Protein backbone atom coordinates (compact mmCIF):
# COMPACT_ATOMS: atom_id res chain seq x y z
CA MET A 1 88.34 97.65 91.79
CA ILE A 2 89.82 99.88 94.47
CA ALA A 3 86.63 101.47 95.83
CA GLN A 4 82.92 101.72 95.08
CA ARG A 5 80.82 104.62 96.30
CA ILE A 6 77.25 105.79 95.94
CA MET A 7 77.44 109.58 95.64
CA TYR A 8 74.55 111.95 96.46
CA CYS A 9 74.54 115.11 94.39
CA ASP A 10 73.41 118.64 95.23
CA ASP A 11 70.79 118.48 92.44
CA GLY A 12 69.16 115.36 93.99
CA SER A 13 70.70 112.84 91.57
CA ARG A 14 72.82 109.85 92.57
CA ALA A 15 75.85 108.21 90.98
CA ASP A 16 77.55 104.85 91.42
CA VAL A 17 81.28 105.61 91.21
CA ASP A 18 83.87 102.83 90.96
CA PHE A 19 87.60 103.57 91.13
CA ILE A 20 89.44 100.89 89.21
CA ASP A 21 92.97 99.90 88.17
CA ASP A 22 95.44 102.07 90.10
CA GLY A 23 92.76 104.64 90.95
CA LEU A 24 93.42 106.44 87.67
CA LYS A 25 90.21 105.17 86.11
CA MET A 26 86.69 106.03 87.30
CA ALA A 27 83.51 104.29 86.12
CA VAL A 28 80.47 106.54 86.68
CA THR A 29 76.88 105.29 86.36
CA TRP A 30 74.07 107.77 86.97
CA LEU A 31 71.31 106.03 88.92
CA PRO A 32 68.85 104.50 88.48
CA LYS A 33 69.36 103.60 84.81
CA GLY A 34 72.12 105.69 83.31
CA ARG A 35 74.88 104.52 81.05
CA THR A 36 78.33 103.94 82.49
CA GLU A 37 81.04 106.35 81.42
CA ILE A 38 84.73 105.65 81.99
CA LEU A 39 86.88 108.64 82.96
CA HIS A 40 90.70 108.55 83.06
CA ALA A 41 93.32 110.59 84.91
CA GLN A 42 96.92 110.78 83.73
CA ARG A 43 98.33 111.00 87.27
CA THR A 44 97.10 110.93 90.87
CA GLY A 45 95.45 114.23 91.80
CA GLU A 46 94.70 115.26 88.21
CA GLU A 47 91.32 115.75 86.56
CA PHE A 48 89.50 112.67 85.24
CA ARG A 49 88.40 112.98 81.59
CA GLY A 50 86.00 111.00 79.46
CA ASP A 51 84.32 111.40 76.08
CA HIS A 52 81.56 113.62 77.47
CA SER A 53 82.44 114.44 81.08
CA ARG A 54 85.21 115.61 83.36
CA ALA A 55 85.54 115.12 87.11
CA VAL A 56 87.66 116.55 89.91
CA VAL A 57 87.92 114.71 93.24
CA ALA A 58 88.40 116.73 96.42
CA GLY A 59 88.08 115.04 99.79
CA GLY A 60 84.76 113.20 99.92
CA SER A 61 83.28 115.12 96.99
CA ILE A 62 83.46 114.95 93.20
CA ALA A 63 82.62 117.82 90.86
CA PHE A 64 81.41 116.53 87.48
CA THR A 65 81.30 118.79 84.43
CA ARG A 66 79.22 117.85 81.38
CA ARG A 67 78.07 120.19 78.61
CA GLY A 68 79.20 123.19 80.65
CA LYS A 69 77.09 122.23 83.68
CA ILE A 70 78.69 121.40 87.02
CA ARG A 71 77.21 118.77 89.34
CA VAL A 72 78.77 118.40 92.80
CA CYS A 73 78.34 115.03 94.49
CA HIS A 74 79.25 113.85 97.98
CA ARG A 75 80.10 110.48 99.45
CA THR A 76 77.40 108.52 101.22
CA PRO A 77 77.85 108.78 104.99
CA GLU A 78 79.41 105.56 106.28
CA GLU A 79 76.95 103.29 108.08
CA SER A 80 77.93 101.97 111.49
């Protein structure tokens, strides 16, 4: 695993996002009890795709698309 983040989304939901392998694979679990979906990117900087969802990473945010709906999520502020 390269990084693990809890993301807070504009709609009030939360996601546990793990970047694995060379950062070209993303495991997304919608909290508190969602299923985990694995999304893959072909190359760094490209869109991640899974069976049901897509995701685009930009800075500290991720835009998820599922069934035509977009959910924008942001990284948890780092604790000091």
